[in-house]
Amino acid sequence: MKKICFLIIFALLGYTAEAQDIETDRPDQTETPAIVPKNRFQVEMGFSHEQTDVSDRLFTVPTALVKYGVNDFFEIRVEAEVANEKTAEGKASGLQPLKLGVKTKLWKEKGLLPKTLLLVQLQFPKWASQDFEVQHLAPEVRLLMSNTLSKKVKLSYNLGAEWDGEGDTPEYVYTLSPNVQLSKKVKLFVEAYGFFQVSHHAQQWVDGGFMYAISKDVQLDISAGYELTATGQYHNFFESVGLSFRI
């Protein structure tokens, strides 16, 4: 435990041996088309609240994504979330199914051709608390793309499909997220994203937020989102804060 605390403090003090600024998958829904530098660990933690009905809510306290750069083209990752859910039917709490994944570069940006990476993840049904166990392996596949629009503006977007571990029908995912460098330390993002299945009602969301770089290896973030589509009169929304660092 002392070693872990030392490593975290070392990162928070601004260790900058790696010239590249930290790039994170949070706080937006767009997975970043970037690889963690070789032989570095990156930890992305967050706390969120989602209101899914007048009396239904979900607290994630925390979510933690740990990534390791194997080389300049490949990273491995593990993601865990501890959730506390309250609905009209009752309460559930504990560890949601663990995710293991890999991210790899496909090609660089060239003209209109976007920088493109591939993300593949598996959610394991029994690696979870009893309240959140699912029946089957739940894969997720995404293409992660970005285009540089100017020195301060980058457009990132994802296309993919994911399974929930209960049925055979995939849910298709898209994200579109302009990212603006407001200053050396502050970034702003806005985003549109959605989920849809064949012959099912689609979910369309918008969100936005800020990222603040304490150093090249440490970043704070804050974000919020709102569902544009709803089957009834209630629209879901969420708020989130997070901390990311490299060691």
C-alpha atoms as a PDB file:
ATOM      1  CA  MET A   1       0.000   0.000   0.000  1.00  0.00           C
ATOM      2  CA  LYS A   2       2.858   2.412   0.794  1.00  0.00           C
ATOM      3  CA  LYS A   3       4.360   1.795  -2.657  1.00  0.00           C
ATOM      4  CA  ILE A   4       1.034   2.519  -4.347  1.00  0.00           C
ATOM      5  CA  CYS A   5       0.611   5.760  -2.381  1.00  0.00           C
ATOM      6  CA  PHE A   6       4.159   6.784  -3.269  1.00  0.00           C
ATOM      7  CA  LEU A   7       3.544   6.216  -6.989  1.00  0.00           C
ATOM      8  CA  ILE A   8       0.323   8.245  -6.924  1.00  0.00           C
ATOM      9  CA  ILE A   9       1.987  11.131  -5.063  1.00  0.00           C
ATOM     10  CA  PHE A  10       4.916  10.986  -7.496  1.00  0.00           C
ATOM     11  CA  ALA A  11       2.518  11.393 -10.425  1.00  0.00           C
ATOM     12  CA  LEU A  12       0.556  14.189  -8.764  1.00  0.00           C
ATOM     13  CA  LEU A  13       3.750  16.161  -8.179  1.00  0.00           C
ATOM     14  CA  GLY A  14       4.098  16.392 -11.932  1.00  0.00           C
ATOM     15  CA  TYR A  15       6.502  13.704 -13.107  1.00  0.00           C
ATOM     16  CA  THR A  16       7.186  14.647 -16.747  1.00  0.00           C
ATOM     17  CA  ALA A  17       9.842  12.316 -18.113  1.00  0.00           C
ATOM     18  CA  GLU A  18       7.519  11.627 -21.068  1.00  0.00           C
ATOM     19  CA  ALA A  19       7.168  14.682 -23.319  1.00  0.00           C
ATOM     20  CA  GLN A  20       3.774  13.662 -24.673  1.00  0.00           C
ATOM     21  CA  ASP A  21       0.809  15.165 -22.820  1.00  0.00           C
ATOM     22  CA  ILE A  22      -1.610  12.739 -21.227  1.00  0.00           C
ATOM     23  CA  GLU A  23      -4.569  11.710 -23.438  1.00  0.00           C
ATOM     24  CA  THR A  24      -7.510   9.992 -21.775  1.00  0.00           C
ATOM     25  CA  ASP A  25     -10.645   8.052 -22.664  1.00  0.00           C
ATOM     26  CA  ARG A  26     -12.624  10.017 -20.095  1.00  0.00           C
ATOM     27  CA  PRO A  27     -14.621  12.139 -19.531  1.00  0.00           C
ATOM     28  CA  ASP A  28     -16.445  11.940 -22.885  1.00  0.00           C
ATOM     29  CA  GLN A  29     -17.974   8.790 -24.400  1.00  0.00           C
ATOM     30  CA  THR A  30     -15.496   8.918 -27.299  1.00  0.00           C
ATOM     31  CA  GLU A  31     -12.596   6.547 -26.693  1.00  0.00           C
ATOM     32  CA  THR A  32      -9.439   8.469 -27.548  1.00  0.00           C
ATOM     33  CA  PRO A  33      -7.443   7.413 -30.634  1.00  0.00           C
ATOM     34  CA  ALA A  34      -4.195   7.400 -28.650  1.00  0.00           C
ATOM     35  CA  ILE A  35      -1.949   4.753 -27.083  1.00  0.00           C
ATOM     36  CA  VAL A  36      -0.402   5.034 -23.622  1.00  0.00           C
ATOM     37  CA  PRO A  37       3.380   5.560 -24.061  1.00  0.00           C
ATOM     38  CA  LYS A  38       5.540   2.445 -23.950  1.00  0.00           C
ATOM     39  CA  ASN A  39       6.214   1.026 -20.463  1.00  0.00           C
ATOM     40  CA  ARG A  40       3.878   3.514 -18.774  1.00  0.00           C
ATOM     41  CA  PHE A  41       0.793   2.850 -16.670  1.00  0.00           C
ATOM     42  CA  GLN A  42      -2.186   5.198 -16.916  1.00  0.00           C
ATOM     43  CA  VAL A  43      -5.043   5.267 -14.407  1.00  0.00           C
ATOM     44  CA  GLU A  44      -8.342   7.029 -15.160  1.00  0.00           C
ATOM     45  CA  MET A  45     -10.754   7.294 -12.227  1.00  0.00           C
ATOM     46  CA  GLY A  46     -14.169   8.908 -12.047  1.00  0.00           C
ATOM     47  CA  PHE A  47     -17.276   9.393  -9.969  1.00  0.00           C
ATOM     48  CA  SER A  48     -20.682   9.833 -11.595  1.00  0.00           C
ATOM     49  CA  HIS A  49     -24.376  10.182 -10.873  1.00  0.00           C
ATOM     50  CA  GLU A  50     -27.029   9.284 -13.457  1.00  0.00           C
ATOM     51  CA  GLN A  51     -30.732   9.993 -13.026  1.00  0.00           C
ATOM     52  CA  THR A  52     -32.763   7.547 -15.128  1.00  0.00           C
ATOM     53  CA  ASP A  53     -36.240   8.375 -13.808  1.00  0.00           C
ATOM     54  CA  VAL A  54     -37.839  10.558 -11.155  1.00  0.00           C
ATOM     55  CA  SER A  55     -36.913   8.026  -8.457  1.00  0.00           C
ATOM     56  CA  ASP A  56     -34.294   5.882 -10.276  1.00  0.00           C
ATOM     57  CA  ARG A  57     -30.610   6.741 -10.040  1.00  0.00           C
ATOM     58  CA  LEU A  58     -27.186   5.180 -10.478  1.00  0.00           C
ATOM     59  CA  PHE A  59     -24.030   6.188  -8.607  1.00  0.00           C
ATOM     60  CA  THR A  60     -20.694   4.916  -9.898  1.00  0.00           C
ATOM     61  CA  VAL A  61     -18.159   5.294  -7.079  1.00  0.00           C
ATOM     62  CA  PRO A  62     -15.700   4.861  -8.604  1.00  0.00           C
ATOM     63  CA  THR A  63     -14.993   3.719 -12.125  1.00  0.00           C
ATOM     64  CA  ALA A  64     -11.340   2.854 -12.721  1.00  0.00           C
ATOM     65  CA  LEU A  65      -9.612   2.196 -16.049  1.00  0.00           C
ATOM     66  CA  VAL A  66      -5.987   1.011 -15.888  1.00  0.00           C
ATOM     67  CA  LYS A  67      -3.970   0.965 -19.121  1.00  0.00           C
ATOM     68  CA  TYR A  68      -0.422  -0.147 -19.939  1.00  0.00           C
ATOM     69  CA  GLY A  69       1.568   0.751 -23.051  1.00  0.00           C
ATOM     70  CA  VAL A  70       3.168  -2.449 -24.374  1.00  0.00           C
ATOM     71  CA  ASN A  71       4.829  -0.632 -27.282  1.00  0.00           C
ATOM     72  CA  ASP A  72       4.223   2.346 -29.564  1.00  0.00           C
ATOM     73  CA  PHE A  73       1.326   0.566 -31.302  1.00  0.00           C
ATOM     74  CA  PHE A  74      -0.431  -1.476 -28.617  1.00  0.00           C
ATOM     75  CA  GLU A  75      -1.895  -1.115 -25.118  1.00  0.00           C
ATOM     76  CA  ILE A  76      -3.692  -3.482 -22.749  1.00  0.00           C
ATOM     77  CA  ARG A  77      -6.406  -2.350 -20.332  1.00  0.00           C
ATOM     78  CA  VAL A  78      -8.678  -3.420 -17.509  1.00  0.00           C
ATOM     79  CA  GLU A  79     -11.777  -1.531 -16.362  1.00  0.00           C
ATOM     80  CA  ALA A  80     -13.800  -1.917 -13.159  1.00  0.00           C
ATOM     81  CA  GLU A  81     -16.831  -0.044 -11.837  1.00  0.00           C
ATOM     82  CA  VAL A  82     -18.393  -0.086  -8.386  1.00  0.00           C
ATOM     83  CA  ALA A  83     -22.063   0.867  -8.695  1.00  0.00           C
ATOM     84  CA  ASN A  84     -24.932   1.696  -6.380  1.00  0.00           C
ATOM     85  CA  GLU A  85     -28.295   1.564  -8.147  1.00  0.00           C
ATOM     86  CA  LYS A  86     -31.694   2.550  -6.774  1.00  0.00           C
ATOM     87  CA  THR A  87     -34.912   1.818  -8.702  1.00  0.00           C
ATOM     88  CA  ALA A  88     -38.598   1.368  -7.954  1.00  0.00           C
ATOM     89  CA  GLU A  89     -37.922  -2.389  -7.723  1.00  0.00           C
ATOM     90  CA  GLY A  90     -35.213  -2.045  -5.079  1.00  0.00           C
ATOM     91  CA  LYS A  91     -31.496  -1.436  -4.611  1.00  0.00           C
ATOM     92  CA  ALA A  92     -28.386  -3.096  -6.017  1.00  0.00           C
ATOM     93  CA  SER A  93     -24.743  -2.428  -5.270  1.00  0.00           C
ATOM     94  CA  GLY A  94     -21.326  -3.903  -5.924  1.00  0.00           C
ATOM     95  CA  LEU A  95     -18.830  -4.561  -8.698  1.00  0.00           C
ATOM     96  CA  GLN A  96     -20.107  -4.488 -12.273  1.00  0.00           C
ATOM     97  CA  PRO A  97     -18.688  -7.077 -14.747  1.00  0.00           C
ATOM     98  CA  LEU A  98     -14.960  -6.576 -15.240  1.00  0.00           C
ATOM     99  CA  LYS A  99     -13.729  -5.537 -18.705  1.00  0.00           C
ATOM    100  CA  LEU A 100     -10.434  -6.597 -20.297  1.00  0.00           C
ATOM    101  CA  GLY A 101      -9.343  -5.103 -23.592  1.00  0.00           C
ATOM    102  CA  VAL A 102      -6.685  -4.074 -26.072  1.00  0.00           C
ATOM    103  CA  LYS A 103      -6.207  -1.010 -28.250  1.00  0.00           C
ATOM    104  CA  THR A 104      -3.968  -0.955 -31.323  1.00  0.00           C
ATOM    105  CA  LYS A 105      -3.014   1.568 -34.006  1.00  0.00           C
ATOM    106  CA  LEU A 106      -4.163   0.891 -37.576  1.00  0.00           C
ATOM    107  CA  TRP A 107      -2.935   3.919 -39.546  1.00  0.00           C
ATOM    108  CA  LYS A 108      -1.872   7.543 -39.150  1.00  0.00           C
ATOM    109  CA  GLU A 109      -3.782  10.647 -40.207  1.00  0.00           C
ATOM    110  CA  LYS A 110      -3.060  11.673 -43.802  1.00  0.00           C
ATOM    111  CA  GLY A 111      -5.092  14.429 -45.408  1.00  0.00           C
ATOM    112  CA  LEU A 112      -8.769  13.564 -45.060  1.00  0.00           C
ATOM    113  CA  LEU A 113      -7.883  10.030 -43.930  1.00  0.00           C
ATOM    114  CA  PRO A 114      -8.367  10.030 -40.142  1.00  0.00           C
ATOM    115  CA  LYS A 115      -5.959   8.659 -37.587  1.00  0.00           C
ATOM    116  CA  THR A 116      -7.537   5.279 -36.763  1.00  0.00           C
ATOM    117  CA  LEU A 117      -7.188   2.766 -33.937  1.00  0.00           C
ATOM    118  CA  LEU A 118      -9.055  -0.427 -33.056  1.00  0.00           C
ATOM    119  CA  LEU A 119     -10.445  -1.124 -29.574  1.00  0.00           C
ATOM    120  CA  VAL A 120     -11.608  -4.628 -28.583  1.00  0.00           C
ATOM    121  CA  GLN A 121     -12.955  -5.377 -25.087  1.00  0.00           C
ATOM    122  CA  LEU A 122     -14.600  -8.313 -23.326  1.00  0.00           C
ATOM    123  CA  GLN A 123     -16.887  -8.019 -20.301  1.00  0.00           C
ATOM    124  CA  PHE A 124     -16.801 -11.181 -18.182  1.00  0.00           C
ATOM    125  CA  PRO A 125     -20.174 -12.336 -16.792  1.00  0.00           C
ATOM    126  CA  LYS A 126     -19.093 -13.860 -13.477  1.00  0.00           C
ATOM    127  CA  TRP A 127     -16.365 -11.359 -12.607  1.00  0.00           C
ATOM    128  CA  ALA A 128     -18.913  -9.186 -10.827  1.00  0.00           C
ATOM    129  CA  SER A 129     -21.026  -8.880  -7.711  1.00  0.00           C
ATOM    130  CA  GLN A 130     -24.161 -11.019  -7.646  1.00  0.00           C
ATOM    131  CA  ASP A 131     -26.450  -8.037  -8.291  1.00  0.00           C
ATOM    132  CA  PHE A 132     -24.711  -7.256 -11.598  1.00  0.00           C
ATOM    133  CA  GLU A 133     -23.795 -10.670 -13.039  1.00  0.00           C
ATOM    134  CA  VAL A 134     -24.765 -11.293 -16.672  1.00  0.00           C
ATOM    135  CA  GLN A 135     -25.282 -14.564 -18.548  1.00  0.00           C
ATOM    136  CA  HIS A 136     -22.692 -14.433 -21.328  1.00  0.00           C
ATOM    137  CA  LEU A 137     -19.434 -12.846 -22.420  1.00  0.00           C
ATOM    138  CA  ALA A 138     -20.137  -9.321 -23.661  1.00  0.00           C
ATOM    139  CA  PRO A 139     -17.761  -8.137 -26.412  1.00  0.00           C
ATOM    140  CA  GLU A 140     -17.286  -4.569 -27.637  1.00  0.00           C
ATOM    141  CA  VAL A 141     -15.552  -3.491 -30.850  1.00  0.00           C
ATOM    142  CA  ARG A 142     -14.894   0.119 -31.881  1.00  0.00           C
ATOM    143  CA  LEU A 143     -13.007   2.047 -34.533  1.00  0.00           C
ATOM    144  CA  LEU A 144     -11.480   5.156 -32.941  1.00  0.00           C
ATOM    145  CA  MET A 145     -10.811   8.011 -35.359  1.00  0.00           C
ATOM    146  CA  SER A 146      -9.699  11.645 -35.318  1.00  0.00           C
ATOM    147  CA  ASN A 147      -8.925  14.512 -37.664  1.00  0.00           C
ATOM    148  CA  THR A 148      -6.865  17.595 -36.816  1.00  0.00           C
ATOM    149  CA  LEU A 149      -8.887  20.649 -37.880  1.00  0.00           C
ATOM    150  CA  SER A 150      -6.440  23.296 -36.601  1.00  0.00           C
ATOM    151  CA  LYS A 151      -3.696  23.771 -33.997  1.00  0.00           C
ATOM    152  CA  LYS A 152      -6.348  24.060 -31.281  1.00  0.00           C
ATOM    153  CA  VAL A 153      -9.253  21.947 -32.589  1.00  0.00           C
ATOM    154  CA  LYS A 154      -9.426  18.186 -33.038  1.00  0.00           C
ATOM    155  CA  LEU A 155     -12.452  16.148 -34.105  1.00  0.00           C
ATOM    156  CA  SER A 156     -12.654  12.649 -32.603  1.00  0.00           C
ATOM    157  CA  TYR A 157     -15.306  10.045 -33.364  1.00  0.00           C
ATOM    158  CA  ASN A 158     -16.085   6.345 -32.816  1.00  0.00           C
ATOM    159  CA  LEU A 159     -18.122   3.713 -34.609  1.00  0.00           C
ATOM    160  CA  GLY A 160     -18.754   0.319 -33.078  1.00  0.00           C
ATOM    161  CA  ALA A 161     -20.959  -2.385 -31.658  1.00  0.00           C
ATOM    162  CA  GLU A 162     -21.360  -3.873 -28.180  1.00  0.00           C
ATOM    163  CA  TRP A 163     -23.296  -6.672 -26.512  1.00  0.00           C
ATOM    164  CA  ASP A 164     -24.888  -6.564 -23.038  1.00  0.00           C
ATOM    165  CA  GLY A 165     -24.224 -10.175 -21.995  1.00  0.00           C
ATOM    166  CA  GLU A 166     -27.928 -11.049 -21.958  1.00  0.00           C
ATOM    167  CA  GLY A 167     -29.011 -11.261 -25.606  1.00  0.00           C
ATOM    168  CA  ASP A 168     -27.511 -12.003 -29.016  1.00  0.00           C
ATOM    169  CA  THR A 169     -28.450  -8.682 -30.637  1.00  0.00           C
ATOM    170  CA  PRO A 170     -25.690  -6.053 -30.658  1.00  0.00           C
ATOM    171  CA  GLU A 171     -26.191  -2.422 -29.801  1.00  0.00           C
ATOM    172  CA  TYR A 172     -24.545  -0.076 -32.299  1.00  0.00           C
ATOM    173  CA  VAL A 173     -22.667   2.964 -31.025  1.00  0.00           C
ATOM    174  CA  TYR A 174     -21.551   6.247 -32.558  1.00  0.00           C
ATOM    175  CA  THR A 175     -19.819   9.261 -30.997  1.00  0.00           C
ATOM    176  CA  LEU A 176     -18.767  12.651 -32.387  1.00  0.00           C
ATOM    177  CA  SER A 177     -16.683  14.948 -30.198  1.00  0.00           C
ATOM    178  CA  PRO A 178     -14.963  18.237 -31.140  1.00  0.00           C
ATOM    179  CA  ASN A 179     -12.162  19.040 -28.691  1.00  0.00           C
ATOM    180  CA  VAL A 180     -10.868  22.616 -28.280  1.00  0.00           C
ATOM    181  CA  GLN A 181      -7.604  23.635 -26.589  1.00  0.00           C
ATOM    182  CA  LEU A 182      -8.615  26.812 -24.717  1.00  0.00           C
ATOM    183  CA  SER A 183      -5.191  27.287 -23.119  1.00  0.00           C
ATOM    184  CA  LYS A 184      -2.055  25.303 -22.293  1.00  0.00           C
ATOM    185  CA  LYS A 185      -3.878  23.658 -19.404  1.00  0.00           C
ATOM    186  CA  VAL A 186      -7.597  23.739 -20.280  1.00  0.00           C
ATOM    187  CA  LYS A 187      -9.517  21.784 -22.926  1.00  0.00           C
ATOM    188  CA  LEU A 188     -13.213  21.959 -23.747  1.00  0.00           C
ATOM    189  CA  PHE A 189     -15.262  19.244 -25.412  1.00  0.00           C
ATOM    190  CA  VAL A 190     -18.823  18.966 -26.667  1.00  0.00           C
ATOM    191  CA  GLU A 191     -20.235  15.684 -27.912  1.00  0.00           C
ATOM    192  CA  ALA A 192     -23.134  13.949 -29.579  1.00  0.00           C
ATOM    193  CA  TYR A 193     -23.472  10.192 -29.200  1.00  0.00           C
ATOM    194  CA  GLY A 194     -26.068   7.475 -29.463  1.00  0.00           C
ATOM    195  CA  PHE A 195     -26.952   3.805 -29.110  1.00  0.00           C
ATOM    196  CA  PHE A 196     -29.397   1.863 -31.248  1.00  0.00           C
ATOM    197  CA  GLN A 197     -30.536  -1.672 -32.047  1.00  0.00           C
ATOM    198  CA  VAL A 198     -32.384  -2.926 -35.103  1.00  0.00           C
ATOM    199  CA  SER A 199     -36.157  -2.375 -34.599  1.00  0.00           C
ATOM    200  CA  HIS A 200     -35.588  -0.669 -31.231  1.00  0.00           C
ATOM    201  CA  HIS A 201     -35.906   2.862 -29.939  1.00  0.00           C
ATOM    202  CA  ALA A 202     -32.592   4.734 -30.321  1.00  0.00           C
ATOM    203  CA  GLN A 203     -31.002   6.740 -27.520  1.00  0.00           C
ATOM    204  CA  GLN A 204     -29.473  10.086 -28.532  1.00  0.00           C
ATOM    205  CA  TRP A 205     -27.372  12.077 -26.061  1.00  0.00           C
ATOM    206  CA  VAL A 206     -25.381  15.290 -25.842  1.00  0.00           C
ATOM    207  CA  ASP A 207     -22.734  16.121 -23.258  1.00  0.00           C
ATOM    208  CA  GLY A 208     -19.840  18.449 -22.615  1.00  0.00           C
ATOM    209  CA  GLY A 209     -17.169  19.343 -20.136  1.00  0.00           C
ATOM    210  CA  PHE A 210     -13.658  20.528 -19.348  1.00  0.00           C
ATOM    211  CA  MET A 211     -10.263  18.908 -18.787  1.00  0.00           C
ATOM    212  CA  TYR A 212      -7.592  20.652 -16.706  1.00  0.00           C
ATOM    213  CA  ALA A 213      -3.946  19.551 -16.942  1.00  0.00           C
ATOM    214  CA  ILE A 214      -2.143  19.813 -13.610  1.00  0.00           C
ATOM    215  CA  SER A 215       0.959  18.541 -15.425  1.00  0.00           C
ATOM    216  CA  LYS A 216       1.789  16.511 -18.532  1.00  0.00           C
ATOM    217  CA  ASP A 217       0.901  13.383 -16.546  1.00  0.00           C
ATOM    218  CA  VAL A 218      -2.068  14.472 -14.410  1.00  0.00           C
ATOM    219  CA  GLN A 219      -5.504  15.648 -15.493  1.00  0.00           C
ATOM    220  CA  LEU A 220      -8.741  16.636 -13.766  1.00  0.00           C
ATOM    221  CA  ASP A 221     -12.102  16.612 -15.557  1.00  0.00           C
ATOM    222  CA  ILE A 222     -15.743  17.555 -15.092  1.00  0.00           C
ATOM    223  CA  SER A 223     -18.659  16.773 -17.412  1.00  0.00           C
ATOM    224  CA  ALA A 224     -22.430  16.451 -17.698  1.00  0.00           C
ATOM    225  CA  GLY A 225     -24.823  14.947 -20.244  1.00  0.00           C
ATOM    226  CA  TYR A 226     -28.491  14.942 -21.228  1.00  0.00           C
ATOM    227  CA  GLU A 227     -30.593  12.441 -23.201  1.00  0.00           C
ATOM    228  CA  LEU A 228     -32.407  14.028 -26.142  1.00  0.00           C
ATOM    229  CA  THR A 229     -34.667  11.052 -26.784  1.00  0.00           C
ATOM    230  CA  ALA A 230     -37.004   9.442 -24.274  1.00  0.00           C
ATOM    231  CA  THR A 231     -39.847   6.916 -24.423  1.00  0.00           C
ATOM    232  CA  GLY A 232     -41.784   8.923 -21.841  1.00  0.00           C
ATOM    233  CA  GLN A 233     -41.660  12.473 -20.531  1.00  0.00           C
ATOM    234  CA  TYR A 234     -38.517  11.956 -18.449  1.00  0.00           C
ATOM    235  CA  HIS A 235     -35.057  12.582 -19.969  1.00  0.00           C
ATOM    236  CA  ASN A 236     -32.018  10.921 -18.416  1.00  0.00           C
ATOM    237  CA  PHE A 237     -29.045  13.041 -17.341  1.00  0.00           C
ATOM    238  CA  PHE A 238     -25.698  12.585 -15.592  1.00  0.00           C
ATOM    239  CA  GLU A 239     -22.823  14.455 -13.943  1.00  0.00           C
ATOM    240  CA  SER A 240     -19.243  13.236 -13.517  1.00  0.00           C
ATOM    241  CA  VAL A 241     -15.860  14.276 -12.117  1.00  0.00           C
ATOM    242  CA  GLY A 242     -12.567  12.481 -12.561  1.00  0.00           C
ATOM    243  CA  LEU A 243      -8.810  12.265 -12.074  1.00  0.00           C
ATOM    244  CA  SER A 244      -6.324  10.655 -14.486  1.00  0.00           C
ATOM    245  CA  PHE A 245      -2.566  10.174 -14.088  1.00  0.00           C
ATOM    246  CA  ARG A 246       0.416   8.312 -15.589  1.00  0.00           C
ATOM    247  CA  ILE A 247       3.239   6.594 -13.734  1.00  0.00           C
END
